[in-house]
N, C-alpha and C. Protein backbone atom coordinates (compact mmCIF):
# COMPACT_ATOMS: atom_id res chain seq x y z
N UNK A 1 0.80 -1.15 -0.05
CA UNK A 1 0.08 -0.04 0.02
C UNK A 1 0.80 1.30 -0.08
N UNK A 2 1.99 1.24 0.68
CA UNK A 2 2.79 2.44 0.83
C UNK A 2 3.37 2.69 -0.55
N UNK A 3 3.87 1.71 -1.20
CA UNK A 3 4.42 1.88 -2.52
C UNK A 3 3.35 2.43 -3.56
N UNK A 4 2.20 1.83 -3.39
CA UNK A 4 1.03 2.30 -4.38
C UNK A 4 0.71 3.69 -4.08
N UNK A 5 0.75 4.13 -2.86
CA UNK A 5 0.48 5.63 -2.60
C UNK A 5 1.52 6.55 -3.22
N UNK A 6 2.69 6.16 -3.24
CA UNK A 6 3.81 7.00 -3.91
C UNK A 6 3.62 6.94 -5.39
N UNK A 7 3.37 5.63 -5.94
CA UNK A 7 3.39 5.48 -7.31
C UNK A 7 2.14 6.01 -7.98
N UNK A 8 1.00 5.84 -7.23
CA UNK A 8 -0.22 6.48 -7.82
C UNK A 8 -0.82 7.50 -6.87
N UNK A 9 -0.64 8.75 -7.01
CA UNK A 9 -1.22 9.76 -6.14
C UNK A 9 -2.69 9.67 -6.11
N UNK A 10 -3.42 9.52 -7.09
CA UNK A 10 -4.90 9.35 -6.89
C UNK A 10 -5.32 8.24 -5.90
N UNK A 11 -4.58 7.09 -5.91
CA UNK A 11 -4.90 6.03 -4.90
C UNK A 11 -4.56 6.59 -3.57
N UNK A 12 -3.43 7.26 -3.36
CA UNK A 12 -3.16 7.91 -1.98
C UNK A 12 -4.25 8.84 -1.62
N UNK A 13 -4.75 9.58 -2.48
CA UNK A 13 -5.91 10.60 -2.11
C UNK A 13 -7.19 9.82 -1.71
N UNK A 14 -7.43 8.76 -2.44
CA UNK A 14 -8.57 7.84 -2.19
C UNK A 14 -8.49 7.26 -0.78
N UNK A 15 -7.26 6.66 -0.44
CA UNK A 15 -7.04 6.07 0.87
C UNK A 15 -7.07 7.13 1.98
N UNK A 16 -6.62 8.21 1.70
CA UNK A 16 -6.72 9.42 2.73
C UNK A 16 -8.16 9.70 3.03
N UNK A 17 -8.95 9.85 1.89
CA UNK A 17 -10.44 10.20 1.99
C UNK A 17 -11.18 9.06 2.60
N UNK A 18 -10.81 7.84 2.38
CA UNK A 18 -11.47 6.68 3.07
C UNK A 18 -11.08 6.76 4.57
N UNK A 19 -9.85 6.94 4.93
CA UNK A 19 -9.39 6.97 6.20
C UNK A 19 -10.11 8.23 7.01
N UNK A 20 -10.19 9.27 6.46
CA UNK A 20 -10.76 10.45 7.03
C UNK A 20 -12.29 10.28 7.22
N UNK A 21 -12.95 9.52 6.34
CA UNK A 21 -14.35 9.16 6.33
C UNK A 21 -14.56 8.23 7.55
N UNK A 22 -13.71 7.36 7.73
CA UNK A 22 -13.93 6.31 8.92
C UNK A 22 -13.80 7.15 10.18
N UNK A 23 -12.77 7.94 10.30
CA UNK A 23 -12.41 8.77 11.50
C UNK A 23 -13.64 9.69 11.83
N UNK A 24 -14.15 10.37 10.68
CA UNK A 24 -15.24 11.22 10.90
C UNK A 24 -16.50 10.51 11.43
N UNK A 25 -16.78 9.31 10.79
CA UNK A 25 -17.91 8.49 11.17
C UNK A 25 -17.80 8.13 12.64
N UNK A 26 -16.68 7.69 13.12
CA UNK A 26 -16.37 7.26 14.52
C UNK A 26 -16.53 8.46 15.45
N UNK A 27 -16.04 9.58 15.06
CA UNK A 27 -16.19 10.74 16.00
C UNK A 27 -17.51 11.23 16.10
N UNK A 28 -18.20 11.19 14.94
CA UNK A 28 -19.62 11.61 14.90
C UNK A 28 -20.47 10.64 15.83
N UNK A 29 -20.15 9.40 15.71
CA UNK A 29 -20.83 8.39 16.50
C UNK A 29 -20.59 8.63 17.96
N UNK A 30 -19.37 8.93 18.45
CA UNK A 30 -19.15 9.24 19.82
C UNK A 30 -19.80 10.49 20.30
N UNK A 31 -19.77 11.63 19.48
CA UNK A 31 -20.10 12.85 19.94
C UNK A 31 -21.58 13.14 19.76
N UNK A 32 -22.16 12.44 18.68
CA UNK A 32 -23.69 12.75 18.37
C UNK A 32 -24.53 11.57 18.59
N UNK A 33 -24.39 10.58 17.82
CA UNK A 33 -25.32 9.48 17.67
C UNK A 33 -25.41 8.72 18.87
N UNK A 34 -24.38 8.06 19.38
CA UNK A 34 -24.41 7.24 20.55
C UNK A 34 -24.64 8.06 21.78
N UNK A 35 -24.10 9.19 21.80
CA UNK A 35 -24.32 10.06 22.94
C UNK A 35 -25.74 10.49 23.16
N UNK A 36 -26.45 10.74 22.14
CA UNK A 36 -27.97 11.02 22.24
C UNK A 36 -28.78 9.91 22.85
N UNK A 37 -28.29 8.69 22.50
CA UNK A 37 -29.10 7.51 22.95
C UNK A 37 -28.64 7.21 24.40
N UNK A 38 -27.34 7.36 24.70
CA UNK A 38 -26.99 6.86 26.04
C UNK A 38 -27.06 7.92 27.12
N UNK A 39 -27.06 9.34 26.74
CA UNK A 39 -27.11 10.31 27.69
C UNK A 39 -28.54 10.64 28.07
N UNK A 40 -29.07 9.76 28.99
CA UNK A 40 -30.49 9.91 29.48
C UNK A 40 -30.75 11.20 30.26
N UNK A 41 -29.80 11.74 30.96
CA UNK A 41 -29.95 13.06 31.66
C UNK A 41 -30.04 14.17 30.64
N UNK A 42 -29.20 14.19 29.72
CA UNK A 42 -29.19 15.20 28.77
C UNK A 42 -30.48 15.17 27.79
N UNK A 43 -30.86 13.89 27.51
CA UNK A 43 -32.08 13.78 26.77
C UNK A 43 -33.19 14.29 27.54
N UNK A 44 -33.35 13.89 28.72
CA UNK A 44 -34.46 14.42 29.54
C UNK A 44 -34.42 15.96 29.74
N UNK A 45 -33.36 16.49 29.79
CA UNK A 45 -33.31 18.07 30.01
C UNK A 45 -33.71 18.61 28.64
N UNK A 46 -33.26 18.03 27.48
CA UNK A 46 -33.56 18.55 26.21
C UNK A 46 -35.07 18.40 26.04
N UNK A 47 -35.72 17.25 26.33
CA UNK A 47 -37.12 17.03 26.31
C UNK A 47 -37.95 18.03 27.07
N UNK A 48 -37.48 18.34 28.33
CA UNK A 48 -38.18 19.27 29.25
C UNK A 48 -38.10 20.72 28.63
N UNK A 49 -37.02 20.98 27.95
CA UNK A 49 -36.96 22.34 27.45
C UNK A 49 -37.73 22.53 26.08
N UNK A 50 -38.03 21.45 25.46
CA UNK A 50 -38.71 21.38 24.22
C UNK A 50 -39.98 20.58 24.12
N UNK A 51 -40.69 20.34 25.22
CA UNK A 51 -41.95 19.52 25.23
C UNK A 51 -42.94 20.00 24.22
N UNK A 52 -43.01 21.38 24.07
CA UNK A 52 -44.18 21.85 23.16
C UNK A 52 -43.87 21.47 21.75
N UNK A 53 -42.79 20.89 21.46
CA UNK A 53 -42.55 20.51 20.00
C UNK A 53 -43.05 19.08 19.78
N UNK A 54 -43.60 18.49 20.84
CA UNK A 54 -44.10 17.10 20.65
C UNK A 54 -45.55 16.93 21.18
N UNK A 55 -46.55 17.63 20.55
CA UNK A 55 -47.84 17.56 21.04
C UNK A 55 -48.58 16.28 20.70
N UNK A 56 -49.44 15.96 21.75
CA UNK A 56 -50.25 14.74 21.52
C UNK A 56 -51.47 15.12 21.08
N UNK A 57 -52.41 14.26 20.62
CA UNK A 57 -53.79 14.60 20.32
C UNK A 57 -54.67 14.83 21.51
N UNK A 58 -55.76 15.45 21.34
CA UNK A 58 -56.79 15.61 22.35
C UNK A 58 -57.34 14.23 22.65
N UNK A 59 -57.66 13.85 23.83
CA UNK A 59 -58.05 12.55 24.18
C UNK A 59 -59.34 12.63 25.11
N UNK A 60 -60.04 11.56 25.30
CA UNK A 60 -61.08 11.46 26.26
C UNK A 60 -60.86 10.23 27.04
N UNK A 61 -61.43 10.12 28.26
CA UNK A 61 -61.38 8.81 29.06
C UNK A 61 -62.93 8.39 28.99
N UNK A 62 -63.00 7.16 28.65
CA UNK A 62 -64.36 6.57 28.53
C UNK A 62 -64.45 5.31 29.60
N UNK A 63 -65.46 5.41 30.43
CA UNK A 63 -65.66 4.31 31.42
C UNK A 63 -66.77 3.44 30.71
N UNK A 64 -66.59 2.06 30.70
CA UNK A 64 -67.69 1.24 30.23
C UNK A 64 -68.04 0.28 31.28
N UNK A 65 -69.34 0.28 31.66
CA UNK A 65 -69.94 -0.56 32.80
C UNK A 65 -70.67 -1.71 32.03
N UNK A 66 -70.21 -2.83 32.19
CA UNK A 66 -71.01 -4.04 31.47
C UNK A 66 -71.83 -4.79 32.62
N UNK A 67 -73.10 -4.50 32.50
CA UNK A 67 -74.09 -5.07 33.56
C UNK A 67 -74.74 -6.36 33.12
N UNK A 68 -74.95 -7.21 33.98
CA UNK A 68 -75.51 -8.58 33.73
C UNK A 68 -76.83 -8.40 33.12
N UNK A 69 -77.66 -7.40 33.61
CA UNK A 69 -78.97 -7.25 33.16
C UNK A 69 -79.55 -5.87 33.43
N UNK A 70 -80.77 -5.57 33.08
CA UNK A 70 -81.34 -4.21 33.25
C UNK A 70 -81.47 -3.89 34.67
N UNK A 71 -81.78 -4.79 35.60
CA UNK A 71 -81.89 -4.52 36.96
C UNK A 71 -80.49 -4.04 37.60
N UNK A 72 -79.43 -4.64 37.17
CA UNK A 72 -78.09 -4.24 37.69
C UNK A 72 -77.79 -2.83 37.12
N UNK A 73 -78.31 -2.57 35.90
CA UNK A 73 -78.00 -1.35 35.34
C UNK A 73 -78.76 -0.24 35.98
N UNK A 74 -80.02 -0.49 36.41
CA UNK A 74 -80.77 0.51 37.26
C UNK A 74 -80.05 0.67 38.57
N UNK A 75 -79.62 -0.28 39.19
CA UNK A 75 -78.86 -0.15 40.50
C UNK A 75 -77.59 0.78 40.25
N UNK A 76 -76.88 0.44 39.12
CA UNK A 76 -75.58 1.13 38.79
C UNK A 76 -76.02 2.66 38.67
N UNK A 77 -77.03 3.01 37.93
CA UNK A 77 -77.38 4.35 37.61
C UNK A 77 -77.76 5.12 39.08
N UNK A 78 -78.32 4.38 39.87
CA UNK A 78 -78.73 4.89 41.24
C UNK A 78 -77.47 5.31 42.02
N UNK A 79 -76.55 4.35 41.99
CA UNK A 79 -75.24 4.53 42.66
C UNK A 79 -74.47 5.80 42.11
N UNK A 80 -74.42 5.68 40.67
CA UNK A 80 -73.64 6.81 40.10
C UNK A 80 -74.20 8.17 40.29
N UNK A 81 -75.60 8.39 40.38
CA UNK A 81 -76.19 9.67 40.65
C UNK A 81 -75.86 10.17 42.11
N UNK A 82 -75.60 9.12 42.99
CA UNK A 82 -75.16 9.45 44.34
C UNK A 82 -73.68 9.87 44.44
N UNK A 83 -72.94 9.63 43.32
CA UNK A 83 -71.59 10.00 43.38
C UNK A 83 -70.71 8.84 43.88
N UNK A 84 -71.19 7.70 43.95
CA UNK A 84 -70.42 6.49 44.43
C UNK A 84 -69.23 6.26 43.43
N UNK A 85 -68.10 5.87 44.09
CA UNK A 85 -67.04 5.65 43.27
C UNK A 85 -67.00 4.30 42.53
N UNK A 86 -66.30 4.10 41.58
CA UNK A 86 -66.31 2.83 40.76
C UNK A 86 -65.96 1.61 41.67
N UNK A 87 -64.98 1.72 42.57
CA UNK A 87 -64.65 0.65 43.41
C UNK A 87 -65.83 0.33 44.31
N UNK A 88 -66.47 1.20 44.89
CA UNK A 88 -67.56 1.07 45.70
C UNK A 88 -68.81 0.45 44.96
N UNK A 89 -68.98 0.85 43.78
CA UNK A 89 -69.96 0.31 42.90
C UNK A 89 -69.70 -1.14 42.66
N UNK A 90 -68.54 -1.42 42.27
CA UNK A 90 -68.22 -2.87 41.94
C UNK A 90 -68.38 -3.70 43.28
N UNK A 91 -67.97 -3.19 44.35
CA UNK A 91 -67.99 -3.98 45.61
C UNK A 91 -69.41 -4.22 45.99
N UNK A 92 -70.29 -3.23 45.82
CA UNK A 92 -71.77 -3.36 46.31
C UNK A 92 -72.36 -4.30 45.25
N UNK A 93 -72.30 -4.03 43.96
CA UNK A 93 -73.08 -4.79 42.96
C UNK A 93 -72.54 -6.24 42.74
N UNK A 94 -71.27 -6.52 43.00
CA UNK A 94 -70.77 -7.83 42.78
C UNK A 94 -70.70 -8.51 44.13
N UNK A 95 -71.35 -8.05 45.11
CA UNK A 95 -71.36 -8.82 46.49
C UNK A 95 -71.91 -10.13 46.35
N UNK A 96 -73.15 -10.27 45.71
CA UNK A 96 -73.75 -11.67 45.67
C UNK A 96 -73.28 -12.46 44.46
N UNK A 97 -73.09 -11.66 43.35
CA UNK A 97 -72.63 -12.30 42.08
C UNK A 97 -71.48 -11.49 41.49
N UNK A 98 -70.39 -12.00 41.38
CA UNK A 98 -69.11 -11.35 40.93
C UNK A 98 -69.21 -10.93 39.46
N UNK A 99 -70.27 -11.43 38.74
CA UNK A 99 -70.41 -11.06 37.26
C UNK A 99 -71.50 -10.06 37.07
N UNK A 100 -72.03 -9.54 38.07
CA UNK A 100 -73.04 -8.45 37.98
C UNK A 100 -72.53 -7.33 37.05
N UNK A 101 -71.36 -6.75 37.46
CA UNK A 101 -70.91 -5.59 36.64
C UNK A 101 -69.43 -5.75 36.58
N UNK A 102 -68.81 -5.27 35.44
CA UNK A 102 -67.49 -5.11 35.17
C UNK A 102 -67.21 -3.63 34.70
N UNK A 103 -66.09 -3.04 35.08
CA UNK A 103 -65.92 -1.66 34.77
C UNK A 103 -64.52 -1.61 34.02
N UNK A 104 -64.51 -1.10 32.90
CA UNK A 104 -63.24 -0.79 32.11
C UNK A 104 -63.19 0.70 31.68
N UNK A 105 -61.91 1.23 31.92
CA UNK A 105 -61.74 2.61 31.52
C UNK A 105 -60.64 2.56 30.40
N UNK A 106 -60.89 3.36 29.36
CA UNK A 106 -59.88 3.53 28.35
C UNK A 106 -59.72 4.99 27.88
N UNK A 107 -58.51 5.21 27.48
CA UNK A 107 -58.33 6.57 26.92
C UNK A 107 -58.27 6.48 25.41
N UNK A 108 -59.01 7.42 24.79
CA UNK A 108 -59.19 7.30 23.41
C UNK A 108 -58.79 8.63 22.70
N UNK A 109 -57.89 8.61 21.56
CA UNK A 109 -57.45 9.73 20.90
C UNK A 109 -58.53 10.25 19.88
N UNK A 110 -58.42 11.39 19.52
CA UNK A 110 -59.51 12.05 18.78
C UNK A 110 -59.75 11.30 17.52
N UNK A 111 -58.61 10.97 16.67
CA UNK A 111 -58.76 10.32 15.47
C UNK A 111 -59.39 8.89 15.58
N UNK A 112 -59.11 8.22 16.62
CA UNK A 112 -59.80 6.92 16.95
C UNK A 112 -61.27 7.07 17.30
N UNK A 113 -61.51 8.08 18.06
CA UNK A 113 -62.94 8.34 18.40
C UNK A 113 -63.76 8.71 17.18
N UNK A 114 -63.22 9.49 16.36
CA UNK A 114 -63.92 9.89 15.08
C UNK A 114 -64.29 8.65 14.17
N UNK A 115 -63.47 7.58 14.25
CA UNK A 115 -63.72 6.57 13.33
C UNK A 115 -64.87 5.65 14.01
N UNK A 116 -64.86 5.56 15.39
CA UNK A 116 -65.86 4.70 16.04
C UNK A 116 -66.27 5.34 17.49
N UNK A 117 -67.22 6.31 17.41
CA UNK A 117 -67.60 7.01 18.58
C UNK A 117 -68.48 6.25 19.51
N UNK A 118 -69.02 5.27 19.09
CA UNK A 118 -69.92 4.39 19.79
C UNK A 118 -71.16 5.04 20.41
N UNK A 119 -71.60 6.09 19.74
CA UNK A 119 -72.77 6.83 20.18
C UNK A 119 -72.52 7.95 21.21
N UNK A 120 -71.29 8.24 21.48
CA UNK A 120 -70.84 9.29 22.51
C UNK A 120 -70.47 10.64 21.66
N UNK A 121 -70.74 11.73 22.50
CA UNK A 121 -70.23 13.00 21.96
C UNK A 121 -68.94 13.40 22.68
N UNK A 122 -68.15 14.24 22.08
CA UNK A 122 -66.91 14.58 22.55
C UNK A 122 -66.98 15.67 23.67
N UNK A 123 -67.68 15.18 24.72
CA UNK A 123 -67.68 16.15 25.90
C UNK A 123 -67.85 15.33 27.13
N UNK A 124 -67.43 15.84 28.19
CA UNK A 124 -67.51 15.16 29.51
C UNK A 124 -68.98 15.02 29.96
N UNK A 125 -69.21 13.72 30.36
CA UNK A 125 -70.68 13.45 30.75
C UNK A 125 -71.48 12.80 29.72
N UNK A 126 -70.97 12.90 28.52
CA UNK A 126 -71.77 12.21 27.38
C UNK A 126 -71.80 10.63 27.71
N UNK A 127 -73.04 10.03 27.51
CA UNK A 127 -73.21 8.70 27.80
C UNK A 127 -74.10 8.08 26.83
N UNK A 128 -74.06 6.75 26.83
CA UNK A 128 -74.96 5.91 26.00
C UNK A 128 -75.11 4.54 26.73
N UNK A 129 -76.27 3.91 26.34
CA UNK A 129 -76.50 2.55 26.84
C UNK A 129 -76.90 1.73 25.65
N UNK A 130 -76.18 0.52 25.62
CA UNK A 130 -76.45 -0.40 24.55
C UNK A 130 -76.72 -1.73 25.13
N UNK A 131 -77.36 -2.65 24.24
CA UNK A 131 -77.59 -3.95 24.62
C UNK A 131 -76.61 -4.85 24.08
N UNK A 132 -76.12 -5.83 24.83
CA UNK A 132 -75.11 -6.79 24.43
C UNK A 132 -75.94 -8.15 24.18
N UNK A 133 -75.18 -9.22 24.16
CA UNK A 133 -75.73 -10.56 24.04
C UNK A 133 -76.67 -10.96 25.20
N UNK A 134 -77.74 -11.48 24.89
CA UNK A 134 -78.69 -11.87 25.98
C UNK A 134 -79.29 -10.72 26.65
N UNK A 135 -79.07 -10.69 27.93
CA UNK A 135 -79.71 -9.53 28.77
C UNK A 135 -78.63 -8.48 29.15
N UNK A 136 -77.40 -8.67 28.66
CA UNK A 136 -76.39 -7.71 29.05
C UNK A 136 -76.61 -6.42 28.54
N UNK A 137 -76.31 -5.26 29.44
CA UNK A 137 -76.43 -4.01 29.15
C UNK A 137 -75.10 -3.33 29.36
N UNK A 138 -74.73 -2.41 28.46
CA UNK A 138 -73.48 -1.66 28.58
C UNK A 138 -73.85 -0.19 28.60
N UNK A 139 -73.23 0.41 29.65
CA UNK A 139 -73.31 1.87 29.85
C UNK A 139 -71.94 2.42 29.73
N UNK A 140 -71.87 3.34 28.73
CA UNK A 140 -70.55 4.17 28.64
C UNK A 140 -70.64 5.55 28.88
N UNK A 141 -69.79 6.17 29.47
CA UNK A 141 -69.72 7.54 29.73
C UNK A 141 -68.37 8.12 29.61
N UNK A 142 -68.35 9.36 29.08
CA UNK A 142 -67.06 10.08 29.00
C UNK A 142 -66.84 10.75 30.33
N UNK A 143 -65.81 10.31 30.90
CA UNK A 143 -65.44 10.83 32.31
C UNK A 143 -64.57 12.10 32.23
N UNK A 144 -63.84 12.24 31.18
CA UNK A 144 -62.81 13.38 31.11
C UNK A 144 -62.40 13.64 29.68
N UNK A 145 -62.35 14.97 29.40
CA UNK A 145 -61.75 15.35 28.06
C UNK A 145 -60.36 15.93 28.40
N UNK A 146 -59.34 15.17 27.87
CA UNK A 146 -58.03 15.69 28.18
C UNK A 146 -57.47 16.45 26.92
N UNK A 147 -57.17 17.80 27.17
CA UNK A 147 -56.76 18.71 26.20
C UNK A 147 -55.50 18.32 25.60
N UNK A 148 -55.17 18.90 24.41
CA UNK A 148 -53.80 18.70 23.77
C UNK A 148 -52.78 19.09 24.80
N UNK A 149 -51.77 18.16 25.00
CA UNK A 149 -50.66 18.32 25.79
C UNK A 149 -49.52 17.60 25.24
N UNK A 150 -48.27 17.85 25.79
CA UNK A 150 -47.04 17.33 25.24
C UNK A 150 -47.12 15.70 25.49
N UNK A 151 -46.64 15.01 24.40
CA UNK A 151 -46.55 13.56 24.70
C UNK A 151 -45.42 13.24 25.65
N UNK A 152 -45.51 12.22 26.35
CA UNK A 152 -44.54 11.80 27.29
C UNK A 152 -43.22 11.53 26.63
N UNK A 153 -42.14 11.59 27.25
CA UNK A 153 -40.77 11.32 26.63
C UNK A 153 -40.82 9.89 25.91
N UNK A 154 -41.39 8.98 26.61
CA UNK A 154 -41.44 7.58 26.14
C UNK A 154 -42.25 7.52 24.85
N UNK A 155 -43.33 8.33 24.72
CA UNK A 155 -44.11 8.29 23.57
C UNK A 155 -43.36 8.93 22.31
N UNK A 156 -42.69 9.90 22.63
CA UNK A 156 -41.97 10.73 21.49
C UNK A 156 -40.58 10.49 21.49
N UNK A 157 -40.06 9.38 22.07
CA UNK A 157 -38.54 9.23 22.14
C UNK A 157 -37.76 9.27 20.90
N UNK A 158 -38.29 8.56 19.81
CA UNK A 158 -37.58 8.64 18.55
C UNK A 158 -37.47 10.05 18.05
N UNK A 159 -38.44 10.91 18.13
CA UNK A 159 -38.39 12.21 17.61
C UNK A 159 -37.43 13.07 18.53
N UNK A 160 -37.56 12.88 19.81
CA UNK A 160 -36.70 13.56 20.74
C UNK A 160 -35.21 13.21 20.45
N UNK A 161 -34.86 11.97 20.44
CA UNK A 161 -33.48 11.60 20.15
C UNK A 161 -33.05 12.21 18.85
N UNK A 162 -33.82 12.15 17.82
CA UNK A 162 -33.38 12.70 16.56
C UNK A 162 -33.06 14.23 16.62
N UNK A 163 -33.95 14.86 17.42
CA UNK A 163 -33.84 16.36 17.55
C UNK A 163 -32.66 16.73 18.43
N UNK A 164 -32.33 15.89 19.43
CA UNK A 164 -31.24 16.01 20.36
C UNK A 164 -29.96 15.71 19.66
N UNK A 165 -29.83 14.76 18.80
CA UNK A 165 -28.78 14.60 17.90
C UNK A 165 -28.40 15.64 17.07
N UNK A 166 -29.49 16.23 16.49
CA UNK A 166 -29.28 17.50 15.60
C UNK A 166 -28.60 18.56 16.44
N UNK A 167 -29.19 18.84 17.61
CA UNK A 167 -28.63 19.85 18.64
C UNK A 167 -27.27 19.57 18.93
N UNK A 168 -26.85 18.30 19.32
CA UNK A 168 -25.55 17.92 19.64
C UNK A 168 -24.53 18.17 18.51
N UNK A 169 -25.00 17.89 17.29
CA UNK A 169 -24.11 18.07 16.08
C UNK A 169 -23.86 19.51 15.91
N UNK A 170 -24.89 20.42 16.00
CA UNK A 170 -24.72 21.82 15.76
C UNK A 170 -23.77 22.45 16.87
N UNK A 171 -24.05 21.89 18.16
CA UNK A 171 -23.11 22.49 19.28
C UNK A 171 -21.68 22.07 19.03
N UNK A 172 -21.47 20.86 18.56
CA UNK A 172 -20.14 20.31 18.33
C UNK A 172 -19.46 21.08 17.26
N UNK A 173 -20.19 21.30 16.15
CA UNK A 173 -19.66 22.05 14.97
C UNK A 173 -19.26 23.49 15.46
N UNK A 174 -20.18 24.03 16.26
CA UNK A 174 -19.92 25.48 16.79
C UNK A 174 -18.67 25.42 17.55
N UNK A 175 -18.41 24.51 18.40
CA UNK A 175 -17.26 24.42 19.31
C UNK A 175 -16.07 24.33 18.37
N UNK A 176 -16.13 23.43 17.42
CA UNK A 176 -14.93 23.26 16.48
C UNK A 176 -14.59 24.57 15.86
N UNK A 177 -15.59 25.24 15.36
CA UNK A 177 -15.39 26.58 14.62
C UNK A 177 -14.80 27.61 15.56
N UNK A 178 -15.20 27.57 16.71
CA UNK A 178 -14.57 28.52 17.74
C UNK A 178 -13.15 28.16 17.99
N UNK A 179 -12.90 26.91 18.10
CA UNK A 179 -11.51 26.47 18.42
C UNK A 179 -10.53 26.44 17.15
N UNK A 180 -11.07 26.19 15.94
CA UNK A 180 -10.20 26.15 14.84
C UNK A 180 -10.59 27.00 13.71
N UNK A 181 -9.62 27.51 12.94
CA UNK A 181 -9.94 28.27 11.83
C UNK A 181 -10.18 27.36 10.60
N UNK A 182 -11.11 27.64 9.79
CA UNK A 182 -11.60 26.89 8.70
C UNK A 182 -10.79 27.40 7.43
N UNK A 183 -10.05 26.43 6.78
CA UNK A 183 -9.28 26.70 5.66
C UNK A 183 -9.84 25.79 4.44
N UNK A 184 -10.21 26.43 3.36
CA UNK A 184 -10.70 25.56 2.29
C UNK A 184 -9.69 25.70 1.11
């Protein structure tokens, strides 16, 4: 290789370019790519400073009460109007029969809701009652409308890491320019 470099200058230039490329790749990996993934404290601080750049959709919380029959549904509605908590409702209605009522709560994003709203309106307190198989009755109610807010770091991690890498690269290039004069 050493003889080829002297004998063929274009080959020497190609080898230097290849070596410089490998060095640049390794250095960029250390200073930017791997650092952004491994630096959990820096990533968290970057996320905290830029949360607004990662908005989530508006969401609602829907509670679904599946009642064994219409009598259980009537008892459920009486307890709900009194302001009884879900745990207390479950304890009271399932005392004799553990299958009288089941309660499930889910959070639904706006686009998912628009596809299948199940007879509910996009507002807190909106409710509907439907019949299931046999005598089963389902009562669904919107318990909360959650406004647009930033996604959690776990939900937006890929975007945050990419943006953090971009910031690290810009900062690194800025430090290099301050330290060294660029000659072209």
